[in-house]
């Protein structure tokens, strides 16, 4: 099984100011506010479009390349 490179949003809770600006910009509704108010990403539906990172004024969301096992 080959590895596939995908891009995922990683939230830095030290930079996040709980503004929730990113939530409505996710076209797949993968971003929600957790019980503590911080952003939670549902990676099972995330396509890696980077809209959340683009609208975050605090640059608290970084798009990171991750390698996962691909389908055979």
PDB file of N, CA and C in Angstrom:
ATOM      1  N   UNK A   1       0.842  -1.177   0.000  1.00  0.00           N
ATOM      2  CA  UNK A   1       0.000   0.000   0.000  1.00  0.00           C
ATOM      3  C   UNK A   1       0.892   1.247   0.000  1.00  0.00           C
ATOM      4  N   UNK A   2       0.666   2.120  -0.957  1.00  0.00           N
ATOM      5  CA  UNK A   2       1.466   3.335  -1.088  1.00  0.00           C
ATOM      6  C   UNK A   2       0.993   4.411  -0.120  1.00  0.00           C
ATOM      7  N   UNK A   3       1.933   5.286   0.235  1.00  0.00           N
ATOM      8  CA  UNK A   3       1.556   6.428   1.064  1.00  0.00           C
ATOM      9  C   UNK A   3       1.089   7.559   0.162  1.00  0.00           C
ATOM     10  N   UNK A   4       0.099   8.313   0.652  1.00  0.00           N
ATOM     11  CA  UNK A   4      -0.471   9.429  -0.086  1.00  0.00           C
ATOM     12  C   UNK A   4      -0.280  10.685   0.755  1.00  0.00           C
ATOM     13  N   UNK A   5       0.189  11.755   0.133  1.00  0.00           N
ATOM     14  CA  UNK A   5       0.368  13.025   0.829  1.00  0.00           C
ATOM     15  C   UNK A   5      -0.931  13.816   0.771  1.00  0.00           C
ATOM     16  N   UNK A   6      -1.411  14.216   1.918  1.00  0.00           N
ATOM     17  CA  UNK A   6      -2.594  15.069   1.990  1.00  0.00           C
ATOM     18  C   UNK A   6      -2.288  16.240   2.913  1.00  0.00           C
ATOM     19  N   UNK A   7      -3.079  17.280   2.799  1.00  0.00           N
ATOM     20  CA  UNK A   7      -2.881  18.474   3.621  1.00  0.00           C
ATOM     21  C   UNK A   7      -4.029  18.573   4.615  1.00  0.00           C
ATOM     22  N   UNK A   8      -3.683  18.791   5.891  1.00  0.00           N
ATOM     23  CA  UNK A   8      -4.688  18.889   6.938  1.00  0.00           C
ATOM     24  C   UNK A   8      -4.487  20.173   7.745  1.00  0.00           C
ATOM     25  N   UNK A   9      -5.591  20.780   8.198  1.00  0.00           N
ATOM     26  CA  UNK A   9      -5.462  21.955   9.060  1.00  0.00           C
ATOM     27  C   UNK A   9      -5.146  21.536  10.499  1.00  0.00           C
ATOM     28  N   UNK A  10      -4.133  22.158  11.073  1.00  0.00           N
ATOM     29  CA  UNK A  10      -3.755  21.920  12.462  1.00  0.00           C
ATOM     30  C   UNK A  10      -3.972  23.237  13.207  1.00  0.00           C
ATOM     31  N   UNK A  11      -4.715  23.177  14.302  1.00  0.00           N
ATOM     32  CA  UNK A  11      -5.054  24.381  15.072  1.00  0.00           C
ATOM     33  C   UNK A  11      -4.082  24.555  16.232  1.00  0.00           C
ATOM     34  N   UNK A  12      -3.504  25.741  16.330  1.00  0.00           N
ATOM     35  CA  UNK A  12      -2.620  26.098  17.442  1.00  0.00           C
ATOM     36  C   UNK A  12      -3.481  26.798  18.491  1.00  0.00           C
ATOM     37  N   UNK A  13      -3.825  26.092  19.557  1.00  0.00           N
ATOM     38  CA  UNK A  13      -4.729  26.657  20.567  1.00  0.00           C
ATOM     39  C   UNK A  13      -4.101  27.826  21.327  1.00  0.00           C
ATOM     40  N   UNK A  14      -2.795  27.959  21.256  1.00  0.00           N
ATOM     41  CA  UNK A  14      -2.151  29.103  21.908  1.00  0.00           C
ATOM     42  C   UNK A  14      -2.368  30.388  21.106  1.00  0.00           C
ATOM     43  N   UNK A  15      -2.604  30.260  19.802  1.00  0.00           N
ATOM     44  CA  UNK A  15      -2.855  31.431  18.953  1.00  0.00           C
ATOM     45  C   UNK A  15      -4.345  31.702  18.769  1.00  0.00           C
ATOM     46  N   UNK A  16      -5.159  30.664  18.877  1.00  0.00           N
ATOM     47  CA  UNK A  16      -6.599  30.795  18.650  1.00  0.00           C
ATOM     48  C   UNK A  16      -7.234  31.703  19.704  1.00  0.00           C
ATOM     49  N   UNK A  17      -8.043  32.673  19.243  1.00  0.00           N
ATOM     50  CA  UNK A  17      -8.695  33.604  20.175  1.00  0.00           C
ATOM     51  C   UNK A  17     -10.194  33.314  20.309  1.00  0.00           C
ATOM     52  N   UNK A  18     -10.618  32.126  19.859  1.00  0.00           N
ATOM     53  CA  UNK A  18     -12.002  31.659  20.010  1.00  0.00           C
ATOM     54  C   UNK A  18     -13.012  32.535  19.268  1.00  0.00           C
ATOM     55  N   UNK A  19     -12.599  33.157  18.181  1.00  0.00           N
ATOM     56  CA  UNK A  19     -13.495  34.054  17.446  1.00  0.00           C
ATOM     57  C   UNK A  19     -14.496  33.313  16.554  1.00  0.00           C
ATOM     58  N   UNK A  20     -14.165  32.064  16.190  1.00  0.00           N
ATOM     59  CA  UNK A  20     -15.018  31.218  15.348  1.00  0.00           C
ATOM     60  C   UNK A  20     -15.215  31.759  13.931  1.00  0.00           C
ATOM     61  N   UNK A  21     -14.339  32.642  13.476  1.00  0.00           N
ATOM     62  CA  UNK A  21     -14.430  33.181  12.127  1.00  0.00           C
ATOM     63  C   UNK A  21     -14.313  32.078  11.081  1.00  0.00           C
ATOM     64  N   UNK A  22     -13.520  31.071  11.353  1.00  0.00           N
ATOM     65  CA  UNK A  22     -13.270  30.005  10.380  1.00  0.00           C
ATOM     66  C   UNK A  22     -14.461  29.064  10.182  1.00  0.00           C
ATOM     67  N   UNK A  23     -15.322  28.925  11.170  1.00  0.00           N
ATOM     68  CA  UNK A  23     -16.405  27.938  11.115  1.00  0.00           C
ATOM     69  C   UNK A  23     -17.285  28.045   9.873  1.00  0.00           C
ATOM     70  N   UNK A  24     -17.839  29.197   9.536  1.00  0.00           N
ATOM     71  CA  UNK A  24     -18.746  29.254   8.378  1.00  0.00           C
ATOM     72  C   UNK A  24     -18.043  29.145   7.027  1.00  0.00           C
ATOM     73  N   UNK A  25     -16.726  29.258   7.000  1.00  0.00           N
ATOM     74  CA  UNK A  25     -16.005  29.207   5.730  1.00  0.00           C
ATOM     75  C   UNK A  25     -15.680  27.798   5.274  1.00  0.00           C
ATOM     76  N   UNK A  26     -15.821  26.819   6.128  1.00  0.00           N
ATOM     77  CA  UNK A  26     -15.527  25.439   5.740  1.00  0.00           C
ATOM     78  C   UNK A  26     -16.653  24.919   4.844  1.00  0.00           C
ATOM     79  N   UNK A  27     -16.354  24.600   3.570  1.00  0.00           N
ATOM     80  CA  UNK A  27     -17.402  24.153   2.662  1.00  0.00           C
ATOM     81  C   UNK A  27     -17.969  22.773   3.009  1.00  0.00           C
ATOM     82  N   UNK A  28     -17.257  22.015   3.828  1.00  0.00           N
ATOM     83  CA  UNK A  28     -17.719  20.679   4.203  1.00  0.00           C
ATOM     84  C   UNK A  28     -18.200  20.605   5.644  1.00  0.00           C
ATOM     85  N   UNK A  29     -18.296  21.755   6.311  1.00  0.00           N
ATOM     86  CA  UNK A  29     -18.744  21.841   7.710  1.00  0.00           C
ATOM     87  C   UNK A  29     -17.949  20.910   8.633  1.00  0.00           C
ATOM     88  N   UNK A  30     -16.648  20.859   8.404  1.00  0.00           N
ATOM     89  CA  UNK A  30     -15.767  19.993   9.207  1.00  0.00           C
ATOM     90  C   UNK A  30     -15.277  20.673  10.472  1.00  0.00           C
ATOM     91  N   UNK A  31     -15.468  21.982  10.552  1.00  0.00           N
ATOM     92  CA  UNK A  31     -14.948  22.731  11.691  1.00  0.00           C
ATOM     93  C   UNK A  31     -16.091  23.120  12.609  1.00  0.00           C
ATOM     94  N   UNK A  32     -15.929  22.786  13.877  1.00  0.00           N
ATOM     95  CA  UNK A  32     -16.914  23.144  14.893  1.00  0.00           C
ATOM     96  C   UNK A  32     -16.183  23.695  16.108  1.00  0.00           C
ATOM     97  N   UNK A  33     -16.933  24.272  17.009  1.00  0.00           N
ATOM     98  CA  UNK A  33     -16.356  24.726  18.275  1.00  0.00           C
ATOM     99  C   UNK A  33     -16.566  23.617  19.295  1.00  0.00           C
ATOM    100  N   UNK A  34     -15.496  23.243  19.958  1.00  0.00           N
ATOM    101  CA  UNK A  34     -15.577  22.217  20.989  1.00  0.00           C
ATOM    102  C   UNK A  34     -16.200  22.766  22.257  1.00  0.00           C
ATOM    103  N   UNK A  35     -16.383  21.922  23.247  1.00  0.00           N
ATOM    104  CA  UNK A  35     -16.955  22.346  24.527  1.00  0.00           C
ATOM    105  C   UNK A  35     -16.139  23.448  25.189  1.00  0.00           C
ATOM    106  N   UNK A  36     -14.831  23.455  24.924  1.00  0.00           N
ATOM    107  CA  UNK A  36     -13.962  24.478  25.508  1.00  0.00           C
ATOM    108  C   UNK A  36     -13.889  25.733  24.642  1.00  0.00           C
ATOM    109  N   UNK A  37     -14.595  25.746  23.487  1.00  0.00           N
ATOM    110  CA  UNK A  37     -14.620  26.902  22.610  1.00  0.00           C
ATOM    111  C   UNK A  37     -13.595  26.864  21.505  1.00  0.00           C
ATOM    112  N   UNK A  38     -12.602  25.992  21.626  1.00  0.00           N
ATOM    113  CA  UNK A  38     -11.567  25.906  20.602  1.00  0.00           C
ATOM    114  C   UNK A  38     -12.056  25.126  19.386  1.00  0.00           C
ATOM    115  N   UNK A  39     -11.464  25.417  18.260  1.00  0.00           N
ATOM    116  CA  UNK A  39     -11.831  24.798  16.992  1.00  0.00           C
ATOM    117  C   UNK A  39     -11.483  23.310  17.006  1.00  0.00           C
ATOM    118  N   UNK A  40     -12.430  22.508  16.513  1.00  0.00           N
ATOM    119  CA  UNK A  40     -12.228  21.073  16.364  1.00  0.00           C
ATOM    120  C   UNK A  40     -12.438  20.745  14.890  1.00  0.00           C
ATOM    121  N   UNK A  41     -11.518  19.992  14.311  1.00  0.00           N
ATOM    122  CA  UNK A  41     -11.608  19.623  12.904  1.00  0.00           C
ATOM    123  C   UNK A  41     -11.980  18.145  12.795  1.00  0.00           C
ATOM    124  N   UNK A  42     -13.018  17.865  12.021  1.00  0.00           N
ATOM    125  CA  UNK A  42     -13.409  16.489  11.730  1.00  0.00           C
ATOM    126  C   UNK A  42     -12.646  16.078  10.473  1.00  0.00           C
ATOM    127  N   UNK A  43     -11.538  15.381  10.670  1.00  0.00           N
ATOM    128  CA  UNK A  43     -10.670  15.033   9.549  1.00  0.00           C
ATOM    129  C   UNK A  43     -11.279  13.992   8.620  1.00  0.00           C
ATOM    130  N   UNK A  44     -12.298  13.305   9.052  1.00  0.00           N
ATOM    131  CA  UNK A  44     -12.901  12.282   8.187  1.00  0.00           C
ATOM    132  C   UNK A  44     -13.597  12.903   6.976  1.00  0.00           C
ATOM    133  N   UNK A  45     -14.023  14.171   7.080  1.00  0.00           N
ATOM    134  CA  UNK A  45     -14.686  14.847   5.960  1.00  0.00           C
ATOM    135  C   UNK A  45     -13.851  15.974   5.351  1.00  0.00           C
ATOM    136  N   UNK A  46     -12.767  16.363   6.014  1.00  0.00           N
ATOM    137  CA  UNK A  46     -11.943  17.481   5.553  1.00  0.00           C
ATOM    138  C   UNK A  46     -11.256  17.138   4.234  1.00  0.00           C
ATOM    139  N   UNK A  47     -11.363  18.056   3.275  1.00  0.00           N
ATOM    140  CA  UNK A  47     -10.744  17.875   1.961  1.00  0.00           C
ATOM    141  C   UNK A  47      -9.407  18.609   1.844  1.00  0.00           C
ATOM    142  N   UNK A  48      -9.044  19.380   2.880  1.00  0.00           N
ATOM    143  CA  UNK A  48      -7.780  20.103   2.856  1.00  0.00           C
ATOM    144  C   UNK A  48      -7.791  21.331   1.977  1.00  0.00           C
ATOM    145  N   UNK A  49      -8.943  21.982   1.841  1.00  0.00           N
ATOM    146  CA  UNK A  49      -9.067  23.133   0.938  1.00  0.00           C
ATOM    147  C   UNK A  49      -8.328  24.374   1.445  1.00  0.00           C
ATOM    148  N   UNK A  50      -8.076  24.469   2.725  1.00  0.00           N
ATOM    149  CA  UNK A  50      -7.342  25.556   3.397  1.00  0.00           C
ATOM    150  C   UNK A  50      -8.120  26.863   3.560  1.00  0.00           C
ATOM    151  N   UNK A  51      -9.430  26.842   3.343  1.00  0.00           N
ATOM    152  CA  UNK A  51     -10.231  28.057   3.555  1.00  0.00           C
ATOM    153  C   UNK A  51     -10.144  28.515   5.008  1.00  0.00           C
ATOM    154  N   UNK A  52     -10.174  27.579   5.935  1.00  0.00           N
ATOM    155  CA  UNK A  52     -10.117  27.926   7.361  1.00  0.00           C
ATOM    156  C   UNK A  52      -8.824  28.673   7.694  1.00  0.00           C
ATOM    157  N   UNK A  53      -7.722  28.182   7.162  1.00  0.00           N
ATOM    158  CA  UNK A  53      -6.431  28.829   7.410  1.00  0.00           C
ATOM    159  C   UNK A  53      -6.366  30.207   6.754  1.00  0.00           C
ATOM    160  N   UNK A  54      -6.970  30.335   5.586  1.00  0.00           N
ATOM    161  CA  UNK A  54      -6.935  31.597   4.851  1.00  0.00           C
ATOM    162  C   UNK A  54      -7.680  32.713   5.582  1.00  0.00           C
ATOM    163  N   UNK A  55      -8.766  32.375   6.283  1.00  0.00           N
ATOM    164  CA  UNK A  55      -9.563  33.415   6.939  1.00  0.00           C
ATOM    165  C   UNK A  55      -9.167  33.658   8.389  1.00  0.00           C
ATOM    166  N   UNK A  56      -8.275  32.858   8.931  1.00  0.00           N
ATOM    167  CA  UNK A  56      -7.875  33.028  10.332  1.00  0.00           C
ATOM    168  C   UNK A  56      -6.917  34.207  10.470  1.00  0.00           C
ATOM    169  N   UNK A  57      -7.407  35.287  11.064  1.00  0.00           N
ATOM    170  CA  UNK A  57      -6.605  36.506  11.224  1.00  0.00           C
ATOM    171  C   UNK A  57      -5.432  36.314  12.176  1.00  0.00           C
ATOM    172  N   UNK A  58      -5.551  35.360  13.080  1.00  0.00           N
ATOM    173  CA  UNK A  58      -4.496  35.110  14.063  1.00  0.00           C
ATOM    174  C   UNK A  58      -3.464  34.091  13.575  1.00  0.00           C
ATOM    175  N   UNK A  59      -3.667  33.564  12.369  1.00  0.00           N
ATOM    176  CA  UNK A  59      -2.800  32.522  11.801  1.00  0.00           C
ATOM    177  C   UNK A  59      -2.664  31.338  12.759  1.00  0.00           C
ATOM    178  N   UNK A  60      -3.792  30.974  13.376  1.00  0.00           N
ATOM    179  CA  UNK A  60      -3.814  29.872  14.337  1.00  0.00           C
ATOM    180  C   UNK A  60      -4.037  28.524  13.656  1.00  0.00           C
ATOM    181  N   UNK A  61      -4.343  28.544  12.358  1.00  0.00           N
ATOM    182  CA  UNK A  61      -4.562  27.304  11.617  1.00  0.00           C
ATOM    183  C   UNK A  61      -3.482  27.187  10.554  1.00  0.00           C
ATOM    184  N   UNK A  62      -2.719  26.110  10.642  1.00  0.00           N
ATOM    185  CA  UNK A  62      -1.646  25.864   9.692  1.00  0.00           C
ATOM    186  C   UNK A  62      -1.977  24.609   8.892  1.00  0.00           C
ATOM    187  N   UNK A  63      -1.790  24.693   7.589  1.00  0.00           N
ATOM    188  CA  UNK A  63      -2.007  23.531   6.737  1.00  0.00           C
ATOM    189  C   UNK A  63      -0.704  22.727   6.706  1.00  0.00           C
ATOM    190  N   UNK A  64      -0.810  21.460   7.138  1.00  0.00           N
ATOM    191  CA  UNK A  64       0.367  20.616   7.272  1.00  0.00           C
ATOM    192  C   UNK A  64       0.224  19.386   6.376  1.00  0.00           C
ATOM    193  N   UNK A  65       1.296  19.055   5.673  1.00  0.00           N
ATOM    194  CA  UNK A  65       1.277  17.861   4.827  1.00  0.00           C
ATOM    195  C   UNK A  65       1.465  16.622   5.700  1.00  0.00           C
ATOM    196  N   UNK A  66       0.579  15.663   5.511  1.00  0.00           N
ATOM    197  CA  UNK A  66       0.593  14.427   6.280  1.00  0.00           C
ATOM    198  C   UNK A  66       0.601  13.271   5.287  1.00  0.00           C
ATOM    199  N   UNK A  67       1.325  12.236   5.621  1.00  0.00           N
ATOM    200  CA  UNK A  67       1.383  11.062   4.756  1.00  0.00           C
ATOM    201  C   UNK A  67       0.544   9.953   5.370  1.00  0.00           C
ATOM    202  N   UNK A  68      -0.382   9.422   4.589  1.00  0.00           N
ATOM    203  CA  UNK A  68      -1.260   8.344   5.065  1.00  0.00           C
ATOM    204  C   UNK A  68      -1.233   7.210   4.069  1.00  0.00           C
ATOM    205  N   UNK A  69      -1.578   6.056   4.536  1.00  0.00           N
ATOM    206  CA  UNK A  69      -1.649   4.887   3.651  1.00  0.00           C
ATOM    207  C   UNK A  69      -2.796   5.066   2.670  1.00  0.00           C
ATOM    208  N   UNK A  70      -2.507   4.898   1.396  1.00  0.00           N
ATOM    209  CA  UNK A  70      -3.508   5.035   0.353  1.00  0.00           C
ATOM    210  C   UNK A  70      -4.289   3.736   0.164  1.00  0.00           C
ATOM    211  N   UNK A  71      -5.335   3.825  -0.619  1.00  0.00           N
ATOM    212  CA  UNK A  71      -6.128   2.638  -0.920  1.00  0.00           C
ATOM    213  C   UNK A  71      -5.393   1.790  -1.950  1.00  0.00           C
ATOM    214  N   UNK A  72      -5.474   0.499  -1.801  1.00  0.00           N
ATOM    215  CA  UNK A  72      -4.782  -0.378  -2.745  1.00  0.00           C
ATOM    216  C   UNK A  72      -5.698  -0.780  -3.882  1.00  0.00           C
TER     217      UNK A  72
END
